[in-house]
């Protein structure tokens, strides 16, 4: 018997490393169900700096496909 596990849908976000000697673009992932008020947590793979960033200060944040499709249908009907 094969048991299929349901995978959580994830979104990604990018932020700049706050280390003055680094400045790398850092990517983090989290599940869709995480409250948007929670800060994003990052670990820079280049210098090892561990930092958090609020959503409004992110360089980039992906959207869930369902969210994107919902927004595009509202735009199309406007």
N, C-alpha and C. Protein backbone atom coordinates (compact mmCIF):
# COMPACT_ATOMS: atom_id res chain seq x y z
N UNK A 1 0.84 -1.18 0.00
CA UNK A 1 0.00 0.00 0.00
C UNK A 1 0.89 1.24 0.00
N UNK A 2 0.68 2.11 -0.97
CA UNK A 2 1.45 3.34 -1.08
C UNK A 2 0.63 4.48 -0.50
N UNK A 3 1.21 5.20 0.40
CA UNK A 3 0.53 6.33 1.04
C UNK A 3 1.08 7.62 0.44
N UNK A 4 0.22 8.39 -0.18
CA UNK A 4 0.64 9.66 -0.75
C UNK A 4 0.44 10.76 0.27
N UNK A 5 1.50 11.49 0.54
CA UNK A 5 1.40 12.61 1.46
C UNK A 5 1.08 13.87 0.67
N UNK A 6 0.16 14.64 1.19
CA UNK A 6 -0.18 15.91 0.55
C UNK A 6 0.89 16.93 0.88
N UNK A 7 1.48 17.54 -0.14
CA UNK A 7 2.50 18.55 0.08
C UNK A 7 1.86 19.91 0.29
N UNK A 8 2.40 20.65 1.24
CA UNK A 8 1.93 22.02 1.47
C UNK A 8 2.44 22.91 0.34
N UNK A 9 1.59 23.81 -0.13
CA UNK A 9 2.01 24.75 -1.15
C UNK A 9 2.87 25.82 -0.48
N UNK A 10 3.97 26.15 -1.12
CA UNK A 10 4.90 27.12 -0.54
C UNK A 10 5.01 28.36 -1.42
N UNK A 11 5.38 29.45 -0.79
CA UNK A 11 5.69 30.68 -1.50
C UNK A 11 7.12 31.07 -1.14
N UNK A 12 7.72 31.89 -1.95
CA UNK A 12 9.10 32.30 -1.74
C UNK A 12 9.17 33.81 -1.59
N UNK A 13 10.22 34.25 -0.93
CA UNK A 13 10.48 35.67 -0.78
C UNK A 13 11.98 35.90 -0.86
N UNK A 14 12.36 37.09 -1.30
CA UNK A 14 13.77 37.47 -1.39
C UNK A 14 14.00 38.74 -0.60
N UNK A 15 15.17 38.81 0.02
CA UNK A 15 15.58 40.00 0.75
C UNK A 15 17.09 40.15 0.59
N UNK A 16 17.56 41.36 0.82
CA UNK A 16 18.99 41.61 0.77
C UNK A 16 19.59 41.36 2.15
N UNK A 17 20.71 40.68 2.19
CA UNK A 17 21.41 40.42 3.45
C UNK A 17 21.81 41.76 4.06
N UNK A 18 21.50 41.96 5.35
CA UNK A 18 21.81 43.24 5.99
C UNK A 18 23.29 43.40 6.38
N UNK A 19 24.08 42.36 6.24
CA UNK A 19 25.50 42.43 6.56
C UNK A 19 26.17 43.38 5.56
N UNK A 20 26.77 44.46 6.05
CA UNK A 20 27.37 45.48 5.19
C UNK A 20 28.45 44.92 4.27
N UNK A 21 29.12 43.86 4.67
CA UNK A 21 30.18 43.26 3.86
C UNK A 21 29.66 42.22 2.88
N UNK A 22 28.35 41.99 2.86
CA UNK A 22 27.78 40.94 2.02
C UNK A 22 26.80 41.51 0.99
N UNK A 23 25.56 41.78 1.43
CA UNK A 23 24.54 42.34 0.54
C UNK A 23 23.96 41.36 -0.45
N UNK A 24 24.13 40.06 -0.24
CA UNK A 24 23.61 39.04 -1.16
C UNK A 24 22.08 39.01 -1.16
N UNK A 25 21.53 38.55 -2.25
CA UNK A 25 20.10 38.30 -2.35
C UNK A 25 19.83 36.95 -1.72
N UNK A 26 18.96 36.89 -0.71
CA UNK A 26 18.70 35.68 0.05
C UNK A 26 17.25 35.26 -0.18
N UNK A 27 17.02 33.97 -0.38
CA UNK A 27 15.69 33.43 -0.64
C UNK A 27 15.23 32.59 0.53
N UNK A 28 13.95 32.74 0.90
CA UNK A 28 13.35 31.93 1.96
C UNK A 28 12.01 31.40 1.44
N UNK A 29 11.58 30.28 1.99
CA UNK A 29 10.32 29.65 1.63
C UNK A 29 9.49 29.43 2.87
N UNK A 30 8.17 29.50 2.72
CA UNK A 30 7.27 29.12 3.81
C UNK A 30 5.94 28.69 3.23
N UNK A 31 5.15 28.00 4.06
CA UNK A 31 3.87 27.48 3.59
C UNK A 31 2.86 28.61 3.45
N UNK A 32 1.89 28.37 2.60
CA UNK A 32 0.84 29.36 2.33
C UNK A 32 0.10 29.76 3.60
N UNK A 33 -0.12 28.86 4.52
CA UNK A 33 -0.91 29.13 5.72
C UNK A 33 -0.27 30.03 6.75
N UNK A 34 0.99 30.40 6.59
CA UNK A 34 1.66 31.26 7.56
C UNK A 34 1.04 32.66 7.52
N UNK A 35 0.66 33.21 8.67
CA UNK A 35 0.06 34.56 8.67
C UNK A 35 0.98 35.59 8.03
N UNK A 36 0.42 36.47 7.22
CA UNK A 36 1.23 37.45 6.51
C UNK A 36 1.86 38.48 7.44
N UNK A 37 1.35 38.60 8.66
CA UNK A 37 1.93 39.55 9.63
C UNK A 37 3.24 39.02 10.21
N UNK A 38 3.48 37.71 10.09
CA UNK A 38 4.73 37.13 10.61
C UNK A 38 5.89 37.56 9.73
N UNK A 39 7.01 37.96 10.34
CA UNK A 39 8.17 38.34 9.53
C UNK A 39 8.76 37.10 8.85
N UNK A 40 9.42 37.32 7.73
CA UNK A 40 10.12 36.25 7.02
C UNK A 40 11.48 36.05 7.67
N UNK A 41 11.90 34.80 7.83
CA UNK A 41 13.19 34.47 8.42
C UNK A 41 14.14 34.00 7.33
N UNK A 42 15.35 34.56 7.32
CA UNK A 42 16.34 34.26 6.30
C UNK A 42 17.66 33.85 6.95
N UNK A 43 18.44 33.05 6.22
CA UNK A 43 19.82 32.74 6.58
C UNK A 43 20.63 32.90 5.30
N UNK A 44 21.58 33.81 5.31
CA UNK A 44 22.39 34.07 4.13
C UNK A 44 23.35 32.91 3.90
N UNK A 45 23.31 32.33 2.73
CA UNK A 45 24.19 31.20 2.43
C UNK A 45 25.62 31.65 2.16
N UNK A 46 25.82 32.92 1.94
CA UNK A 46 27.17 33.43 1.67
C UNK A 46 27.94 33.75 2.96
N UNK A 47 27.29 34.51 3.87
CA UNK A 47 28.01 34.94 5.08
C UNK A 47 27.47 34.33 6.37
N UNK A 48 26.29 33.66 6.29
CA UNK A 48 25.72 33.00 7.46
C UNK A 48 24.87 33.88 8.35
N UNK A 49 24.65 35.13 7.96
CA UNK A 49 23.83 36.04 8.78
C UNK A 49 22.40 35.54 8.85
N UNK A 50 21.86 35.47 10.05
CA UNK A 50 20.48 35.06 10.30
C UNK A 50 19.70 36.34 10.58
N UNK A 51 18.63 36.60 9.80
CA UNK A 51 17.87 37.84 9.97
C UNK A 51 16.41 37.64 9.62
N UNK A 52 15.57 38.55 10.07
CA UNK A 52 14.13 38.55 9.77
C UNK A 52 13.80 39.83 9.03
N UNK A 53 12.75 39.75 8.20
CA UNK A 53 12.36 40.91 7.40
C UNK A 53 10.83 40.96 7.33
N UNK A 54 10.22 42.12 7.62
CA UNK A 54 8.77 42.22 7.47
C UNK A 54 8.39 42.20 5.98
N UNK A 55 7.19 41.77 5.70
CA UNK A 55 6.72 41.60 4.32
C UNK A 55 6.88 42.87 3.48
N UNK A 56 6.64 44.03 4.07
CA UNK A 56 6.70 45.28 3.30
C UNK A 56 8.12 45.68 2.91
N UNK A 57 9.14 45.03 3.47
CA UNK A 57 10.53 45.35 3.14
C UNK A 57 11.19 44.31 2.24
N UNK A 58 10.43 43.33 1.76
CA UNK A 58 10.98 42.29 0.90
C UNK A 58 11.31 42.84 -0.48
N UNK A 59 12.31 42.27 -1.13
CA UNK A 59 12.65 42.64 -2.49
C UNK A 59 11.64 42.01 -3.45
N UNK A 60 11.21 40.77 -3.14
CA UNK A 60 10.30 40.02 -3.98
C UNK A 60 9.55 39.03 -3.12
N UNK A 61 8.27 38.78 -3.46
CA UNK A 61 7.49 37.73 -2.82
C UNK A 61 6.63 37.07 -3.87
N UNK A 62 6.68 35.75 -3.94
CA UNK A 62 5.85 35.04 -4.90
C UNK A 62 4.42 34.96 -4.39
N UNK A 63 3.51 34.61 -5.28
CA UNK A 63 2.11 34.43 -4.92
C UNK A 63 1.71 33.00 -5.19
N UNK A 64 0.77 32.51 -4.41
CA UNK A 64 0.21 31.19 -4.67
C UNK A 64 -0.54 31.25 -6.00
N UNK A 65 -0.54 30.16 -6.75
CA UNK A 65 -1.19 30.13 -8.05
C UNK A 65 -2.66 30.50 -7.94
N UNK A 66 -3.36 30.00 -6.94
CA UNK A 66 -4.78 30.31 -6.77
C UNK A 66 -4.99 31.80 -6.54
N UNK A 67 -4.11 32.42 -5.78
CA UNK A 67 -4.20 33.87 -5.53
C UNK A 67 -3.97 34.64 -6.83
N UNK A 68 -2.96 34.22 -7.56
CA UNK A 68 -2.65 34.87 -8.83
C UNK A 68 -3.81 34.74 -9.82
N UNK A 69 -4.39 33.57 -9.91
CA UNK A 69 -5.52 33.37 -10.83
C UNK A 69 -6.73 34.17 -10.39
N UNK A 70 -6.94 34.29 -9.09
CA UNK A 70 -8.05 35.09 -8.57
C UNK A 70 -7.88 36.56 -8.90
N UNK A 71 -6.66 37.05 -8.79
CA UNK A 71 -6.39 38.46 -9.10
C UNK A 71 -6.51 38.72 -10.59
N UNK A 72 -6.03 37.79 -11.43
CA UNK A 72 -6.08 38.01 -12.87
C UNK A 72 -7.52 37.99 -13.38
N UNK A 73 -8.41 37.20 -12.76
CA UNK A 73 -9.80 37.18 -13.20
C UNK A 73 -10.51 38.47 -12.83
N UNK A 74 -10.14 39.07 -11.69
CA UNK A 74 -10.73 40.36 -11.29
C UNK A 74 -10.24 41.47 -12.21
N UNK A 75 -8.97 41.41 -12.60
CA UNK A 75 -8.42 42.41 -13.50
C UNK A 75 -9.08 42.31 -14.87
N UNK A 76 -9.28 41.08 -15.34
CA UNK A 76 -9.86 40.87 -16.65
C UNK A 76 -11.32 41.35 -16.71
N UNK A 77 -12.02 41.25 -15.59
CA UNK A 77 -13.43 41.64 -15.60
C UNK A 77 -13.63 43.13 -15.33
N UNK A 78 -12.59 43.82 -14.98
CA UNK A 78 -12.70 45.25 -14.66
C UNK A 78 -12.84 46.10 -15.90
